[in-house]
């Protein structure tokens, strides 16, 4: 979790999110650790959502026909 979220690619963020989910599901973290991982997970999930929305907007622009439909 050393990289800043904004410097990650979508794929890297998703991979980190999967690791965090696995750690949280393990039940082996202290409460403080779980909270830290949860906070990072929320940041990563928001980042991934933003990236997907950006990609969706780009696809919509590319799919528009020259007449704007």
PDB file of N, CA and C in Angstrom:
ATOM      1  N   UNK A   1       0.808  -1.199   0.000  1.00  0.00           N
ATOM      2  CA  UNK A   1       0.000   0.000   0.000  1.00  0.00           C
ATOM      3  C   UNK A   1       0.853   1.266   0.000  1.00  0.00           C
ATOM      4  N   UNK A   2       2.054   1.155  -0.519  1.00  0.00           N
ATOM      5  CA  UNK A   2       2.923   2.324  -0.439  1.00  0.00           C
ATOM      6  C   UNK A   2       2.665   3.377  -1.508  1.00  0.00           C
ATOM      7  N   UNK A   3       2.172   2.987  -2.686  1.00  0.00           N
ATOM      8  CA  UNK A   3       1.917   3.971  -3.743  1.00  0.00           C
ATOM      9  C   UNK A   3       0.685   4.806  -3.409  1.00  0.00           C
ATOM     10  N   UNK A   4       0.734   6.069  -3.806  1.00  0.00           N
ATOM     11  CA  UNK A   4      -0.448   6.923  -3.675  1.00  0.00           C
ATOM     12  C   UNK A   4      -1.499   6.424  -4.660  1.00  0.00           C
ATOM     13  N   UNK A   5      -2.748   6.532  -4.278  1.00  0.00           N
ATOM     14  CA  UNK A   5      -3.835   6.010  -5.103  1.00  0.00           C
ATOM     15  C   UNK A   5      -3.833   6.641  -6.493  1.00  0.00           C
ATOM     16  N   UNK A   6      -3.641   7.947  -6.592  1.00  0.00           N
ATOM     17  CA  UNK A   6      -3.719   8.636  -7.882  1.00  0.00           C
ATOM     18  C   UNK A   6      -2.597   8.225  -8.836  1.00  0.00           C
ATOM     19  N   UNK A   7      -1.539   7.618  -8.338  1.00  0.00           N
ATOM     20  CA  UNK A   7      -0.431   7.197  -9.191  1.00  0.00           C
ATOM     21  C   UNK A   7      -0.595   5.761  -9.679  1.00  0.00           C
ATOM     22  N   UNK A   8      -1.650   5.088  -9.254  1.00  0.00           N
ATOM     23  CA  UNK A   8      -1.881   3.709  -9.642  1.00  0.00           C
ATOM     24  C   UNK A   8      -2.640   3.637 -10.960  1.00  0.00           C
ATOM     25  N   UNK A   9      -2.456   2.537 -11.661  1.00  0.00           N
ATOM     26  CA  UNK A   9      -3.320   2.251 -12.797  1.00  0.00           C
ATOM     27  C   UNK A   9      -4.588   1.619 -12.237  1.00  0.00           C
ATOM     28  N   UNK A  10      -5.611   1.528 -13.072  1.00  0.00           N
ATOM     29  CA  UNK A  10      -6.850   0.882 -12.648  1.00  0.00           C
ATOM     30  C   UNK A  10      -6.565  -0.544 -12.185  1.00  0.00           C
ATOM     31  N   UNK A  11      -5.760  -1.252 -12.945  1.00  0.00           N
ATOM     32  CA  UNK A  11      -5.470  -2.650 -12.638  1.00  0.00           C
ATOM     33  C   UNK A  11      -4.722  -2.796 -11.312  1.00  0.00           C
ATOM     34  N   UNK A  12      -3.775  -1.898 -11.057  1.00  0.00           N
ATOM     35  CA  UNK A  12      -3.031  -1.942  -9.796  1.00  0.00           C
ATOM     36  C   UNK A  12      -3.951  -1.646  -8.611  1.00  0.00           C
ATOM     37  N   UNK A  13      -4.836  -0.664  -8.790  1.00  0.00           N
ATOM     38  CA  UNK A  13      -5.772  -0.310  -7.719  1.00  0.00           C
ATOM     39  C   UNK A  13      -6.715  -1.472  -7.427  1.00  0.00           C
ATOM     40  N   UNK A  14      -7.196  -2.113  -8.474  1.00  0.00           N
ATOM     41  CA  UNK A  14      -8.099  -3.252  -8.295  1.00  0.00           C
ATOM     42  C   UNK A  14      -7.391  -4.400  -7.586  1.00  0.00           C
ATOM     43  N   UNK A  15      -6.135  -4.640  -7.942  1.00  0.00           N
ATOM     44  CA  UNK A  15      -5.360  -5.698  -7.296  1.00  0.00           C
ATOM     45  C   UNK A  15      -5.162  -5.386  -5.805  1.00  0.00           C
ATOM     46  N   UNK A  16      -4.836  -4.147  -5.494  1.00  0.00           N
ATOM     47  CA  UNK A  16      -4.669  -3.753  -4.088  1.00  0.00           C
ATOM     48  C   UNK A  16      -5.980  -3.902  -3.332  1.00  0.00           C
ATOM     49  N   UNK A  17      -7.075  -3.553  -3.979  1.00  0.00           N
ATOM     50  CA  UNK A  17      -8.385  -3.668  -3.357  1.00  0.00           C
ATOM     51  C   UNK A  17      -8.703  -5.132  -3.040  1.00  0.00           C
ATOM     52  N   UNK A  18      -8.341  -6.029  -3.929  1.00  0.00           N
ATOM     53  CA  UNK A  18      -8.554  -7.458  -3.697  1.00  0.00           C
ATOM     54  C   UNK A  18      -7.717  -7.951  -2.520  1.00  0.00           C
ATOM     55  N   UNK A  19      -6.491  -7.472  -2.412  1.00  0.00           N
ATOM     56  CA  UNK A  19      -5.621  -7.853  -1.296  1.00  0.00           C
ATOM     57  C   UNK A  19      -6.206  -7.357   0.019  1.00  0.00           C
ATOM     58  N   UNK A  20      -6.674  -6.120   0.020  1.00  0.00           N
ATOM     59  CA  UNK A  20      -7.265  -5.542   1.229  1.00  0.00           C
ATOM     60  C   UNK A  20      -8.509  -6.319   1.639  1.00  0.00           C
ATOM     61  N   UNK A  21      -9.354  -6.641   0.677  1.00  0.00           N
ATOM     62  CA  UNK A  21     -10.569  -7.405   0.980  1.00  0.00           C
ATOM     63  C   UNK A  21     -10.210  -8.751   1.601  1.00  0.00           C
ATOM     64  N   UNK A  22      -9.195  -9.397   1.073  1.00  0.00           N
ATOM     65  CA  UNK A  22      -8.750 -10.685   1.603  1.00  0.00           C
ATOM     66  C   UNK A  22      -8.260 -10.551   3.042  1.00  0.00           C
ATOM     67  N   UNK A  23      -7.481  -9.502   3.310  1.00  0.00           N
ATOM     68  CA  UNK A  23      -6.973  -9.280   4.668  1.00  0.00           C
ATOM     69  C   UNK A  23      -8.103  -8.988   5.634  1.00  0.00           C
ATOM     70  N   UNK A  24      -9.070  -8.189   5.198  1.00  0.00           N
ATOM     71  CA  UNK A  24     -10.199  -7.864   6.070  1.00  0.00           C
ATOM     72  C   UNK A  24     -11.044  -9.105   6.349  1.00  0.00           C
ATOM     73  N   UNK A  25     -11.209  -9.942   5.354  1.00  0.00           N
ATOM     74  CA  UNK A  25     -11.997 -11.160   5.513  1.00  0.00           C
ATOM     75  C   UNK A  25     -11.304 -12.194   6.388  1.00  0.00           C
ATOM     76  N   UNK A  26      -9.983 -12.110   6.501  1.00  0.00           N
ATOM     77  CA  UNK A  26      -9.235 -13.100   7.281  1.00  0.00           C
ATOM     78  C   UNK A  26      -9.564 -13.042   8.765  1.00  0.00           C
ATOM     79  N   UNK A  27      -9.946 -11.863   9.244  1.00  0.00           N
ATOM     80  CA  UNK A  27     -10.270 -11.711  10.656  1.00  0.00           C
ATOM     81  C   UNK A  27      -9.057 -11.684  11.558  1.00  0.00           C
ATOM     82  N   UNK A  28      -7.875 -11.567  10.991  1.00  0.00           N
ATOM     83  CA  UNK A  28      -6.646 -11.611  11.778  1.00  0.00           C
ATOM     84  C   UNK A  28      -6.067 -10.235  12.078  1.00  0.00           C
ATOM     85  N   UNK A  29      -6.742  -9.181  11.653  1.00  0.00           N
ATOM     86  CA  UNK A  29      -6.241  -7.831  11.872  1.00  0.00           C
ATOM     87  C   UNK A  29      -6.748  -7.273  13.195  1.00  0.00           C
ATOM     88  N   UNK A  30      -5.959  -6.376  13.765  1.00  0.00           N
ATOM     89  CA  UNK A  30      -6.451  -5.661  14.939  1.00  0.00           C
ATOM     90  C   UNK A  30      -7.500  -4.662  14.450  1.00  0.00           C
ATOM     91  N   UNK A  31      -8.244  -4.106  15.367  1.00  0.00           N
ATOM     92  CA  UNK A  31      -9.261  -3.134  14.993  1.00  0.00           C
ATOM     93  C   UNK A  31      -8.643  -1.948  14.278  1.00  0.00           C
ATOM     94  N   UNK A  32      -7.533  -1.437  14.802  1.00  0.00           N
ATOM     95  CA  UNK A  32      -6.867  -0.297  14.165  1.00  0.00           C
ATOM     96  C   UNK A  32      -6.388  -0.634  12.759  1.00  0.00           C
ATOM     97  N   UNK A  33      -5.807  -1.821  12.596  1.00  0.00           N
ATOM     98  CA  UNK A  33      -5.352  -2.246  11.270  1.00  0.00           C
ATOM     99  C   UNK A  33      -6.539  -2.371  10.317  1.00  0.00           C
ATOM    100  N   UNK A  34      -7.620  -2.960  10.796  1.00  0.00           N
ATOM    101  CA  UNK A  34      -8.814  -3.143   9.964  1.00  0.00           C
ATOM    102  C   UNK A  34      -9.361  -1.798   9.507  1.00  0.00           C
ATOM    103  N   UNK A  35      -9.378  -0.828  10.399  1.00  0.00           N
ATOM    104  CA  UNK A  35      -9.869   0.500  10.042  1.00  0.00           C
ATOM    105  C   UNK A  35      -8.968   1.137   8.992  1.00  0.00           C
ATOM    106  N   UNK A  36      -7.649   1.013   9.148  1.00  0.00           N
ATOM    107  CA  UNK A  36      -6.711   1.571   8.168  1.00  0.00           C
ATOM    108  C   UNK A  36      -6.902   0.923   6.797  1.00  0.00           C
ATOM    109  N   UNK A  37      -7.025  -0.395   6.785  1.00  0.00           N
ATOM    110  CA  UNK A  37      -7.224  -1.094   5.518  1.00  0.00           C
ATOM    111  C   UNK A  37      -8.571  -0.733   4.903  1.00  0.00           C
ATOM    112  N   UNK A  38      -9.591  -0.597   5.737  1.00  0.00           N
ATOM    113  CA  UNK A  38     -10.910  -0.229   5.241  1.00  0.00           C
ATOM    114  C   UNK A  38     -10.863   1.156   4.586  1.00  0.00           C
ATOM    115  N   UNK A  39     -10.215   2.111   5.247  1.00  0.00           N
ATOM    116  CA  UNK A  39     -10.091   3.470   4.697  1.00  0.00           C
ATOM    117  C   UNK A  39      -9.384   3.448   3.344  1.00  0.00           C
ATOM    118  N   UNK A  40      -8.297   2.690   3.261  1.00  0.00           N
ATOM    119  CA  UNK A  40      -7.558   2.577   1.997  1.00  0.00           C
ATOM    120  C   UNK A  40      -8.431   1.910   0.937  1.00  0.00           C
ATOM    121  N   UNK A  41      -9.205   0.907   1.355  1.00  0.00           N
ATOM    122  CA  UNK A  41     -10.101   0.223   0.431  1.00  0.00           C
ATOM    123  C   UNK A  41     -11.157   1.146  -0.142  1.00  0.00           C
ATOM    124  N   UNK A  42     -11.698   2.020   0.687  1.00  0.00           N
ATOM    125  CA  UNK A  42     -12.694   2.989   0.221  1.00  0.00           C
ATOM    126  C   UNK A  42     -12.057   3.930  -0.799  1.00  0.00           C
ATOM    127  N   UNK A  43     -10.842   4.391  -0.521  1.00  0.00           N
ATOM    128  CA  UNK A  43     -10.134   5.266  -1.463  1.00  0.00           C
ATOM    129  C   UNK A  43      -9.926   4.552  -2.801  1.00  0.00           C
ATOM    130  N   UNK A  44      -9.492   3.310  -2.737  1.00  0.00           N
ATOM    131  CA  UNK A  44      -9.246   2.542  -3.960  1.00  0.00           C
ATOM    132  C   UNK A  44     -10.540   2.281  -4.724  1.00  0.00           C
ATOM    133  N   UNK A  45     -11.608   1.958  -4.010  1.00  0.00           N
ATOM    134  CA  UNK A  45     -12.895   1.712  -4.670  1.00  0.00           C
ATOM    135  C   UNK A  45     -13.391   2.971  -5.369  1.00  0.00           C
ATOM    136  N   UNK A  46     -13.257   4.105  -4.717  1.00  0.00           N
ATOM    137  CA  UNK A  46     -13.666   5.374  -5.335  1.00  0.00           C
ATOM    138  C   UNK A  46     -12.820   5.689  -6.561  1.00  0.00           C
ATOM    139  N   UNK A  47     -11.522   5.426  -6.460  1.00  0.00           N
ATOM    140  CA  UNK A  47     -10.614   5.637  -7.584  1.00  0.00           C
ATOM    141  C   UNK A  47     -11.025   4.762  -8.768  1.00  0.00           C
ATOM    142  N   UNK A  48     -11.293   3.487  -8.505  1.00  0.00           N
ATOM    143  CA  UNK A  48     -11.695   2.566  -9.575  1.00  0.00           C
ATOM    144  C   UNK A  48     -13.015   3.009 -10.198  1.00  0.00           C
ATOM    145  N   UNK A  49     -13.955   3.436  -9.378  1.00  0.00           N
ATOM    146  CA  UNK A  49     -15.240   3.905  -9.883  1.00  0.00           C
ATOM    147  C   UNK A  49     -15.041   5.111 -10.797  1.00  0.00           C
ATOM    148  N   UNK A  50     -14.194   6.034 -10.379  1.00  0.00           N
ATOM    149  CA  UNK A  50     -13.912   7.232 -11.174  1.00  0.00           C
ATOM    150  C   UNK A  50     -13.289   6.847 -12.517  1.00  0.00           C
ATOM    151  N   UNK A  51     -12.338   5.933 -12.493  1.00  0.00           N
ATOM    152  CA  UNK A  51     -11.687   5.504 -13.732  1.00  0.00           C
ATOM    153  C   UNK A  51     -12.682   4.836 -14.682  1.00  0.00           C
ATOM    154  N   UNK A  52     -13.576   4.022 -14.140  1.00  0.00           N
ATOM    155  CA  UNK A  52     -14.580   3.362 -14.974  1.00  0.00           C
ATOM    156  C   UNK A  52     -15.544   4.378 -15.576  1.00  0.00           C
ATOM    157  N   UNK A  53     -15.935   5.373 -14.797  1.00  0.00           N
ATOM    158  CA  UNK A  53     -16.819   6.417 -15.306  1.00  0.00           C
ATOM    159  C   UNK A  53     -16.139   7.217 -16.420  1.00  0.00           C
ATOM    160  N   UNK A  54     -14.849   7.511 -16.255  1.00  0.00           N
ATOM    161  CA  UNK A  54     -14.101   8.221 -17.292  1.00  0.00           C
ATOM    162  C   UNK A  54     -14.050   7.402 -18.579  1.00  0.00           C
ATOM    163  N   UNK A  55     -13.794   6.115 -18.437  1.00  0.00           N
ATOM    164  CA  UNK A  55     -13.727   5.231 -19.607  1.00  0.00           C
ATOM    165  C   UNK A  55     -15.088   5.162 -20.290  1.00  0.00           C
ATOM    166  N   UNK A  56     -16.151   5.108 -19.500  1.00  0.00           N
ATOM    167  CA  UNK A  56     -17.495   5.067 -20.062  1.00  0.00           C
ATOM    168  C   UNK A  56     -17.804   6.341 -20.857  1.00  0.00           C
ATOM    169  N   UNK A  57     -17.412   7.491 -20.325  1.00  0.00           N
ATOM    170  CA  UNK A  57     -17.633   8.754 -21.042  1.00  0.00           C
ATOM    171  C   UNK A  57     -16.853   8.782 -22.356  1.00  0.00           C
ATOM    172  N   UNK A  58     -15.627   8.291 -22.344  1.00  0.00           N
ATOM    173  CA  UNK A  58     -14.824   8.247 -23.568  1.00  0.00           C
ATOM    174  C   UNK A  58     -15.470   7.355 -24.611  1.00  0.00           C
ATOM    175  N   UNK A  59     -15.983   6.212 -24.175  1.00  0.00           N
ATOM    176  CA  UNK A  59     -16.629   5.277 -25.105  1.00  0.00           C
ATOM    177  C   UNK A  59     -17.876   5.906 -25.695  1.00  0.00           C
ATOM    178  N   UNK A  60     -18.652   6.614 -24.865  1.00  0.00           N
ATOM    179  CA  UNK A  60     -19.848   7.281 -25.360  1.00  0.00           C
ATOM    180  C   UNK A  60     -19.499   8.316 -26.429  1.00  0.00           C
ATOM    181  N   UNK A  61     -18.423   9.066 -26.205  1.00  0.00           N
ATOM    182  CA  UNK A  61     -17.995  10.067 -27.186  1.00  0.00           C
ATOM    183  C   UNK A  61     -17.575   9.372 -28.481  1.00  0.00           C
ATOM    184  N   UNK A  62     -16.839   8.289 -28.361  1.00  0.00           N
ATOM    185  CA  UNK A  62     -16.359   7.590 -29.548  1.00  0.00           C
ATOM    186  C   UNK A  62     -17.493   6.944 -30.329  1.00  0.00           C
ATOM    187  N   UNK A  63     -18.549   6.553 -29.635  1.00  0.00           N
ATOM    188  CA  UNK A  63     -19.656   5.878 -30.302  1.00  0.00           C
ATOM    189  C   UNK A  63     -20.613   6.844 -30.987  1.00  0.00           C
ATOM    190  N   UNK A  64     -20.542   8.120 -30.624  1.00  0.00           N
ATOM    191  CA  UNK A  64     -21.441   9.094 -31.256  1.00  0.00           C
ATOM    192  C   UNK A  64     -21.115   9.205 -32.733  1.00  0.00           C
ATOM    193  N   UNK A  65     -22.153   9.310 -33.489  1.00  0.00           N
ATOM    194  CA  UNK A  65     -21.980   9.463 -34.934  1.00  0.00           C
ATOM    195  C   UNK A  65     -21.679  10.922 -35.238  1.00  0.00           C
ATOM    196  N   UNK A  66     -21.126  11.173 -36.416  1.00  0.00           N
ATOM    197  CA  UNK A  66     -20.764  12.559 -36.776  1.00  0.00           C
ATOM    198  C   UNK A  66     -21.924  13.550 -36.676  1.00  0.00           C
ATOM    199  N   UNK A  67     -23.159  13.079 -36.810  1.00  0.00           N
ATOM    200  CA  UNK A  67     -24.302  13.998 -36.738  1.00  0.00           C
ATOM    201  C   UNK A  67     -24.733  14.261 -35.292  1.00  0.00           C
ATOM    202  N   UNK A  68     -23.993  13.713 -34.304  1.00  0.00           N
ATOM    203  CA  UNK A  68     -24.253  13.985 -32.883  1.00  0.00           C
ATOM    204  C   UNK A  68     -25.259  13.080 -32.227  1.00  0.00           C
ATOM    205  N   UNK A  69     -25.729  12.068 -32.923  1.00  0.00           N
ATOM    206  CA  UNK A  69     -26.714  11.139 -32.337  1.00  0.00           C
ATOM    207  C   UNK A  69     -26.039  10.079 -31.514  1.00  0.00           C
TER     208      UNK A  69
END
